[in-house]
Amino acid sequence: MIFGPPNDFREKSNSYRAVGELRRLIFAGELSPGSDHLETELAERLGMSRTPVREAALMLEAQGLVEVRPRRGIRILPVSPEDMQEIYDILTELEALAAARAASAPAGERDLSLLERSIEDMDAALKSEDRQAWADADERFHSELVRLGGNRRVEAITAMMADQVRRARAMTLYMRPAPVKSHEDHRGVLEAIRSGDAEAARRIHHSHRTEAGAMLIALLRQHRFHQL
């Protein structure tokens, strides 16, 4: 006789599935920032019971994506310019540190291959005017840069902020000008790391993140103004 998985295993599996589905709906904008939803509504939408939806909402609350309000449902948190200012203040310093550390460590071409590939992908995306492909490649560049920095705590902190940055970028991706300057900065950081120039890697990336953050925050303020 073949037995199915225990109920608690099925519920846990459904909870993780609910997390994935709700994240997808949030990042796609189908659950819009500031909107309120009942557990029963979301459970029906996902085709599951309320329990895994409730557990998923608590996980997403810990990630800063939603607010769980007892007897009032689940609120999709907006991305505020003030939040992004704080996040970029931290990202700018930590990623610049990672760039300097990556340049200080001996790195062969194999070590830099993922950075190189992400830049090539961004170049191809710019030529084809595919903003989403550019954003995906840009995210890979920053993630790999932090990994090359070799500090696990920096990796953990920046990863914790990745969802909020991704949401803000999804809202502003088609509002910003073509990211030509950003692409040049990425190439400059790679060349500084390749040549072992830690100060140049830190300076170029710090300037890059500062400018990118200022643009993103300005666009978020503009977006919020248009929503009023």
C-alpha atoms as a PDB file:
ATOM      1  CA  MET A   1       0.000   0.000   0.000  1.00  0.00           C
ATOM      2  CA  ILE A   2       1.289   3.476  -0.914  1.00  0.00           C
ATOM      3  CA  PHE A   3       0.636   6.227   1.581  1.00  0.00           C
ATOM      4  CA  GLY A   4       0.442   9.906   0.709  1.00  0.00           C
ATOM      5  CA  PRO A   5       2.478  12.498   2.593  1.00  0.00           C
ATOM      6  CA  PRO A   6       1.309  13.465   6.092  1.00  0.00           C
ATOM      7  CA  ASN A   7      -1.085  16.387   6.355  1.00  0.00           C
ATOM      8  CA  ASP A   8       1.507  18.670   7.939  1.00  0.00           C
ATOM      9  CA  PHE A   9       3.901  17.995   5.058  1.00  0.00           C
ATOM     10  CA  ARG A  10       1.195  18.814   2.525  1.00  0.00           C
ATOM     11  CA  GLU A  11       0.284  22.000   4.390  1.00  0.00           C
ATOM     12  CA  LYS A  12       3.930  23.080   4.532  1.00  0.00           C
ATOM     13  CA  SER A  13       4.310  22.360   0.823  1.00  0.00           C
ATOM     14  CA  ASN A  14       1.194  24.411   0.090  1.00  0.00           C
ATOM     15  CA  SER A  15       2.539  27.245   2.236  1.00  0.00           C
ATOM     16  CA  TYR A  16       5.729  27.464   0.181  1.00  0.00           C
ATOM     17  CA  ARG A  17       3.710  27.258  -3.008  1.00  0.00           C
ATOM     18  CA  ALA A  18       1.521  30.103  -1.723  1.00  0.00           C
ATOM     19  CA  VAL A  19       4.639  32.174  -0.976  1.00  0.00           C
ATOM     20  CA  GLY A  20       5.851  31.689  -4.538  1.00  0.00           C
ATOM     21  CA  GLU A  21       2.486  32.520  -6.087  1.00  0.00           C
ATOM     22  CA  LEU A  22       1.902  35.591  -3.929  1.00  0.00           C
ATOM     23  CA  ARG A  23       5.405  36.884  -4.646  1.00  0.00           C
ATOM     24  CA  ARG A  24       4.767  36.432  -8.355  1.00  0.00           C
ATOM     25  CA  LEU A  25       1.478  38.355  -8.139  1.00  0.00           C
ATOM     26  CA  ILE A  26       3.092  41.151  -6.115  1.00  0.00           C
ATOM     27  CA  PHE A  27       6.067  41.591  -8.442  1.00  0.00           C
ATOM     28  CA  ALA A  28       3.812  41.391 -11.511  1.00  0.00           C
ATOM     29  CA  GLY A  29       1.671  44.183 -10.046  1.00  0.00           C
ATOM     30  CA  GLU A  30      -1.457  42.022  -9.984  1.00  0.00           C
ATOM     31  CA  LEU A  31      -1.580  42.605  -6.231  1.00  0.00           C
ATOM     32  CA  SER A  32      -0.922  46.320  -6.333  1.00  0.00           C
ATOM     33  CA  PRO A  33       0.925  48.319  -3.645  1.00  0.00           C
ATOM     34  CA  GLY A  34      -1.455  49.595  -0.977  1.00  0.00           C
ATOM     35  CA  SER A  35      -4.239  47.129  -1.844  1.00  0.00           C
ATOM     36  CA  ASP A  36      -6.022  45.061   0.832  1.00  0.00           C
ATOM     37  CA  HIS A  37      -7.017  41.424   0.500  1.00  0.00           C
ATOM     38  CA  LEU A  38      -8.859  38.911   2.653  1.00  0.00           C
ATOM     39  CA  GLU A  39      -7.348  35.508   3.294  1.00  0.00           C
ATOM     40  CA  THR A  40     -10.445  33.884   1.817  1.00  0.00           C
ATOM     41  CA  GLU A  41     -10.075  35.925  -1.375  1.00  0.00           C
ATOM     42  CA  LEU A  42      -6.421  34.977  -1.820  1.00  0.00           C
ATOM     43  CA  ALA A  43      -7.070  31.345  -0.914  1.00  0.00           C
ATOM     44  CA  GLU A  44      -9.763  31.134  -3.582  1.00  0.00           C
ATOM     45  CA  ARG A  45      -7.484  32.825  -6.107  1.00  0.00           C
ATOM     46  CA  LEU A  46      -4.688  30.341  -5.400  1.00  0.00           C
ATOM     47  CA  GLY A  47      -6.998  27.331  -5.187  1.00  0.00           C
ATOM     48  CA  MET A  48      -6.029  26.310  -1.660  1.00  0.00           C
ATOM     49  CA  SER A  49      -7.228  26.581   1.930  1.00  0.00           C
ATOM     50  CA  ARG A  50      -6.735  29.620   4.168  1.00  0.00           C
ATOM     51  CA  THR A  51      -4.087  27.995   6.392  1.00  0.00           C
ATOM     52  CA  PRO A  52      -1.215  27.953   3.872  1.00  0.00           C
ATOM     53  CA  VAL A  53      -2.187  31.457   2.706  1.00  0.00           C
ATOM     54  CA  ARG A  54      -2.011  32.703   6.295  1.00  0.00           C
ATOM     55  CA  GLU A  55       1.397  31.060   6.816  1.00  0.00           C
ATOM     56  CA  ALA A  56       2.640  32.457   3.496  1.00  0.00           C
ATOM     57  CA  ALA A  57       1.481  35.950   4.462  1.00  0.00           C
ATOM     58  CA  LEU A  58       3.508  35.766   7.695  1.00  0.00           C
ATOM     59  CA  MET A  59       6.608  34.772   5.711  1.00  0.00           C
ATOM     60  CA  LEU A  60       6.064  37.631   3.276  1.00  0.00           C
ATOM     61  CA  GLU A  61       5.534  40.033   6.172  1.00  0.00           C
ATOM     62  CA  ALA A  62       9.002  39.091   7.463  1.00  0.00           C
ATOM     63  CA  GLN A  63      10.339  39.955   3.994  1.00  0.00           C
ATOM     64  CA  GLY A  64       8.734  43.397   4.106  1.00  0.00           C
ATOM     65  CA  LEU A  65       6.288  42.734   1.272  1.00  0.00           C
ATOM     66  CA  VAL A  66       2.971  42.665   3.146  1.00  0.00           C
ATOM     67  CA  GLU A  67       1.382  43.637   6.435  1.00  0.00           C
ATOM     68  CA  VAL A  68      -0.816  41.071   8.164  1.00  0.00           C
ATOM     69  CA  ARG A  69      -3.606  42.842  10.045  1.00  0.00           C
ATOM     70  CA  PRO A  70      -5.678  40.634  12.385  1.00  0.00           C
ATOM     71  CA  ARG A  71      -9.348  40.498  11.349  1.00  0.00           C
ATOM     72  CA  ARG A  72      -8.621  43.027   8.573  1.00  0.00           C
ATOM     73  CA  GLY A  73      -6.745  40.920   6.059  1.00  0.00           C
ATOM     74  CA  ILE A  74      -3.463  41.354   4.231  1.00  0.00           C
ATOM     75  CA  ARG A  75      -2.168  44.683   2.931  1.00  0.00           C
ATOM     76  CA  ILE A  76       0.364  44.816   0.090  1.00  0.00           C
ATOM     77  CA  LEU A  77       2.981  47.286   1.275  1.00  0.00           C
ATOM     78  CA  PRO A  78       3.876  50.139  -1.059  1.00  0.00           C
ATOM     79  CA  VAL A  79       7.471  50.902  -1.975  1.00  0.00           C
ATOM     80  CA  SER A  80       8.186  54.304  -0.505  1.00  0.00           C
ATOM     81  CA  PRO A  81      10.975  56.689  -1.598  1.00  0.00           C
ATOM     82  CA  GLU A  82      11.988  56.979   2.051  1.00  0.00           C
ATOM     83  CA  ASP A  83      12.441  53.201   2.364  1.00  0.00           C
ATOM     84  CA  MET A  84      14.478  53.069  -0.822  1.00  0.00           C
ATOM     85  CA  GLN A  85      16.703  55.942   0.354  1.00  0.00           C
ATOM     86  CA  GLU A  86      17.581  53.960   3.463  1.00  0.00           C
ATOM     87  CA  ILE A  87      18.123  50.775   1.439  1.00  0.00           C
ATOM     88  CA  TYR A  88      20.345  52.472  -1.132  1.00  0.00           C
ATOM     89  CA  ASP A  89      22.372  54.171   1.595  1.00  0.00           C
ATOM     90  CA  ILE A  90      23.278  50.691   2.833  1.00  0.00           C
ATOM     91  CA  LEU A  91      23.623  49.013  -0.565  1.00  0.00           C
ATOM     92  CA  THR A  92      25.919  51.743  -1.855  1.00  0.00           C
ATOM     93  CA  GLU A  93      28.408  51.322   0.984  1.00  0.00           C
ATOM     94  CA  LEU A  94      28.296  47.524   1.149  1.00  0.00           C
ATOM     95  CA  GLU A  95      28.508  46.915  -2.598  1.00  0.00           C
ATOM     96  CA  ALA A  96      31.352  49.427  -2.939  1.00  0.00           C
ATOM     97  CA  LEU A  97      33.137  47.506  -0.193  1.00  0.00           C
ATOM     98  CA  ALA A  98      32.491  44.243  -2.072  1.00  0.00           C
ATOM     99  CA  ALA A  99      33.907  45.751  -5.281  1.00  0.00           C
ATOM    100  CA  ALA A 100      37.081  46.834  -3.473  1.00  0.00           C
ATOM    101  CA  ARG A 101      37.470  43.423  -1.821  1.00  0.00           C
ATOM    102  CA  ALA A 102      36.933  41.662  -5.151  1.00  0.00           C
ATOM    103  CA  ALA A 103      39.705  43.786  -6.708  1.00  0.00           C
ATOM    104  CA  SER A 104      42.048  43.112  -3.792  1.00  0.00           C
ATOM    105  CA  ALA A 105      41.682  39.332  -4.104  1.00  0.00           C
ATOM    106  CA  PRO A 106      43.539  37.501  -6.876  1.00  0.00           C
ATOM    107  CA  ALA A 107      40.888  36.767  -9.512  1.00  0.00           C
ATOM    108  CA  GLY A 108      41.389  34.897 -12.756  1.00  0.00           C
ATOM    109  CA  GLU A 109      39.213  35.177 -15.835  1.00  0.00           C
ATOM    110  CA  ARG A 110      37.223  32.167 -14.696  1.00  0.00           C
ATOM    111  CA  ASP A 111      36.337  34.003 -11.482  1.00  0.00           C
ATOM    112  CA  LEU A 112      35.167  37.027 -13.485  1.00  0.00           C
ATOM    113  CA  SER A 113      33.280  35.074 -16.152  1.00  0.00           C
ATOM    114  CA  LEU A 114      29.834  35.624 -14.629  1.00  0.00           C
ATOM    115  CA  LEU A 115      30.429  39.368 -14.316  1.00  0.00           C
ATOM    116  CA  GLU A 116      31.595  39.449 -17.924  1.00  0.00           C
ATOM    117  CA  ARG A 117      28.602  37.425 -19.117  1.00  0.00           C
ATOM    118  CA  SER A 118      26.106  39.636 -17.297  1.00  0.00           C
ATOM    119  CA  ILE A 119      27.637  42.725 -18.939  1.00  0.00           C
ATOM    120  CA  GLU A 120      27.438  41.056 -22.341  1.00  0.00           C
ATOM    121  CA  ASP A 121      23.785  40.214 -21.661  1.00  0.00           C
ATOM    122  CA  MET A 122      23.094  43.821 -20.658  1.00  0.00           C
ATOM    123  CA  ASP A 123      24.768  45.019 -23.849  1.00  0.00           C
ATOM    124  CA  ALA A 124      22.596  42.708 -25.949  1.00  0.00           C
ATOM    125  CA  ALA A 125      19.472  43.808 -24.060  1.00  0.00           C
ATOM    126  CA  LEU A 126      20.273  47.480 -24.653  1.00  0.00           C
ATOM    127  CA  LYS A 127      20.695  46.858 -28.370  1.00  0.00           C
ATOM    128  CA  SER A 128      17.383  45.011 -28.582  1.00  0.00           C
ATOM    129  CA  GLU A 129      15.695  47.559 -26.282  1.00  0.00           C
ATOM    130  CA  ASP A 130      14.607  44.793 -23.917  1.00  0.00           C
ATOM    131  CA  ARG A 131      14.378  46.526 -20.540  1.00  0.00           C
ATOM    132  CA  GLN A 132      13.380  43.412 -18.597  1.00  0.00           C
ATOM    133  CA  ALA A 133      16.291  41.381 -19.950  1.00  0.00           C
ATOM    134  CA  TRP A 134      18.586  44.278 -19.027  1.00  0.00           C
ATOM    135  CA  ALA A 135      17.174  44.390 -15.486  1.00  0.00           C
ATOM    136  CA  ASP A 136      17.640  40.624 -15.055  1.00  0.00           C
ATOM    137  CA  ALA A 137      21.264  40.816 -16.215  1.00  0.00           C
ATOM    138  CA  ASP A 138      21.897  43.861 -14.015  1.00  0.00           C
ATOM    139  CA  GLU A 139      20.600  41.967 -10.993  1.00  0.00           C
ATOM    140  CA  ARG A 140      22.965  39.081 -11.775  1.00  0.00           C
ATOM    141  CA  PHE A 141      25.882  41.526 -12.024  1.00  0.00           C
ATOM    142  CA  HIS A 142      25.262  43.007  -8.582  1.00  0.00           C
ATOM    143  CA  SER A 143      24.664  39.618  -6.983  1.00  0.00           C
ATOM    144  CA  GLU A 144      27.891  38.205  -8.430  1.00  0.00           C
ATOM    145  CA  LEU A 145      29.849  41.318  -7.457  1.00  0.00           C
ATOM    146  CA  VAL A 146      28.784  40.903  -3.833  1.00  0.00           C
ATOM    147  CA  ARG A 147      29.672  37.195  -3.948  1.00  0.00           C
ATOM    148  CA  LEU A 148      33.148  37.993  -5.277  1.00  0.00           C
ATOM    149  CA  GLY A 149      33.634  40.340  -2.325  1.00  0.00           C
ATOM    150  CA  GLY A 150      33.853  37.253  -0.154  1.00  0.00           C
ATOM    151  CA  ASN A 151      31.983  38.565   2.888  1.00  0.00           C
ATOM    152  CA  ARG A 152      29.026  36.340   3.790  1.00  0.00           C
ATOM    153  CA  ARG A 153      27.438  38.933   6.051  1.00  0.00           C
ATOM    154  CA  VAL A 154      27.466  41.495   3.253  1.00  0.00           C
ATOM    155  CA  GLU A 155      25.831  38.866   1.024  1.00  0.00           C
ATOM    156  CA  ALA A 156      23.146  38.178   3.631  1.00  0.00           C
ATOM    157  CA  ILE A 157      22.342  41.852   4.231  1.00  0.00           C
ATOM    158  CA  THR A 158      22.144  42.769   0.543  1.00  0.00           C
ATOM    159  CA  ALA A 159      20.060  39.671  -0.226  1.00  0.00           C
ATOM    160  CA  MET A 160      17.614  40.712   2.486  1.00  0.00           C
ATOM    161  CA  MET A 161      17.001  43.990   0.623  1.00  0.00           C
ATOM    162  CA  ALA A 162      16.794  42.465  -2.846  1.00  0.00           C
ATOM    163  CA  ASP A 163      13.004  42.080  -2.910  1.00  0.00           C
ATOM    164  CA  GLN A 164      12.323  45.731  -2.165  1.00  0.00           C
ATOM    165  CA  VAL A 165      14.829  46.860  -4.791  1.00  0.00           C
ATOM    166  CA  ARG A 166      13.282  44.477  -7.322  1.00  0.00           C
ATOM    167  CA  ARG A 167       9.806  45.844  -6.669  1.00  0.00           C
ATOM    168  CA  ALA A 168      10.956  49.460  -6.988  1.00  0.00           C
ATOM    169  CA  ARG A 169      12.742  48.704 -10.232  1.00  0.00           C
ATOM    170  CA  ALA A 170       9.703  46.900 -11.633  1.00  0.00           C
ATOM    171  CA  MET A 171       7.649  50.045 -10.994  1.00  0.00           C
ATOM    172  CA  THR A 172      10.155  52.387 -12.638  1.00  0.00           C
ATOM    173  CA  LEU A 173      11.839  50.246 -15.299  1.00  0.00           C
ATOM    174  CA  TYR A 174       9.994  51.838 -18.211  1.00  0.00           C
ATOM    175  CA  MET A 175      10.022  55.338 -16.712  1.00  0.00           C
ATOM    176  CA  ARG A 176      13.791  55.743 -16.648  1.00  0.00           C
ATOM    177  CA  PRO A 177      16.009  56.677 -19.603  1.00  0.00           C
ATOM    178  CA  ALA A 178      18.000  53.968 -21.364  1.00  0.00           C
ATOM    179  CA  PRO A 179      20.642  52.756 -18.863  1.00  0.00           C
ATOM    180  CA  VAL A 180      23.672  53.539 -21.041  1.00  0.00           C
ATOM    181  CA  LYS A 181      25.662  55.246 -18.260  1.00  0.00           C
ATOM    182  CA  SER A 182      24.899  52.375 -15.896  1.00  0.00           C
ATOM    183  CA  HIS A 183      26.285  49.941 -18.461  1.00  0.00           C
ATOM    184  CA  GLU A 184      29.507  51.947 -18.754  1.00  0.00           C
ATOM    185  CA  ASP A 185      29.878  51.903 -14.959  1.00  0.00           C
ATOM    186  CA  HIS A 186      29.575  48.113 -14.861  1.00  0.00           C
ATOM    187  CA  ARG A 187      32.338  47.776 -17.432  1.00  0.00           C
ATOM    188  CA  GLY A 188      34.523  50.195 -15.438  1.00  0.00           C
ATOM    189  CA  VAL A 189      34.054  48.187 -12.240  1.00  0.00           C
ATOM    190  CA  LEU A 190      34.934  44.950 -14.013  1.00  0.00           C
ATOM    191  CA  GLU A 191      38.112  46.432 -15.495  1.00  0.00           C
ATOM    192  CA  ALA A 192      39.151  47.826 -12.104  1.00  0.00           C
ATOM    193  CA  ILE A 193      38.673  44.413 -10.498  1.00  0.00           C
ATOM    194  CA  ARG A 194      40.541  42.740 -13.341  1.00  0.00           C
ATOM    195  CA  SER A 195      43.500  45.098 -12.905  1.00  0.00           C
ATOM    196  CA  GLY A 196      43.473  44.780  -9.108  1.00  0.00           C
ATOM    197  CA  ASP A 197      42.695  48.471  -8.526  1.00  0.00           C
ATOM    198  CA  ALA A 198      40.615  48.299  -5.347  1.00  0.00           C
ATOM    199  CA  GLU A 199      40.244  52.069  -4.931  1.00  0.00           C
ATOM    200  CA  ALA A 200      38.987  52.539  -8.504  1.00  0.00           C
ATOM    201  CA  ALA A 201      36.554  49.625  -8.132  1.00  0.00           C
ATOM    202  CA  ARG A 202      35.196  51.103  -4.894  1.00  0.00           C
ATOM    203  CA  ARG A 203      34.968  54.655  -6.301  1.00  0.00           C
ATOM    204  CA  ILE A 204      33.289  53.710  -9.584  1.00  0.00           C
ATOM    205  CA  HIS A 205      30.769  51.429  -7.952  1.00  0.00           C
ATOM    206  CA  HIS A 206      29.999  53.871  -5.140  1.00  0.00           C
ATOM    207  CA  SER A 207      29.297  56.601  -7.693  1.00  0.00           C
ATOM    208  CA  HIS A 208      27.238  54.173  -9.798  1.00  0.00           C
ATOM    209  CA  ARG A 209      25.011  53.112  -6.903  1.00  0.00           C
ATOM    210  CA  THR A 210      24.635  56.705  -5.682  1.00  0.00           C
ATOM    211  CA  GLU A 211      23.445  57.908  -9.093  1.00  0.00           C
ATOM    212  CA  ALA A 212      21.217  54.880  -9.653  1.00  0.00           C
ATOM    213  CA  GLY A 213      19.625  55.290  -6.228  1.00  0.00           C
ATOM    214  CA  ALA A 214      18.964  58.999  -6.751  1.00  0.00           C
ATOM    215  CA  MET A 215      17.271  58.302 -10.087  1.00  0.00           C
ATOM    216  CA  LEU A 216      15.143  55.471  -8.681  1.00  0.00           C
ATOM    217  CA  ILE A 217      14.027  57.504  -5.681  1.00  0.00           C
ATOM    218  CA  ALA A 218      13.125  60.493  -7.876  1.00  0.00           C
ATOM    219  CA  LEU A 219      11.029  58.225 -10.105  1.00  0.00           C
ATOM    220  CA  LEU A 220       9.283  56.709  -7.083  1.00  0.00           C
ATOM    221  CA  ARG A 221       8.394  60.200  -5.860  1.00  0.00           C
ATOM    222  CA  GLN A 222       7.074  61.040  -9.318  1.00  0.00           C
ATOM    223  CA  HIS A 223       5.067  57.812  -9.390  1.00  0.00           C
ATOM    224  CA  ARG A 224       3.595  58.567  -5.961  1.00  0.00           C
ATOM    225  CA  PHE A 225       2.665  62.103  -7.071  1.00  0.00           C
ATOM    226  CA  HIS A 226       0.774  60.753 -10.089  1.00  0.00           C
ATOM    227  CA  GLN A 227      -1.133  58.362  -7.817  1.00  0.00           C
ATOM    228  CA  LEU A 228      -2.424  61.174  -5.589  1.00  0.00           C
END
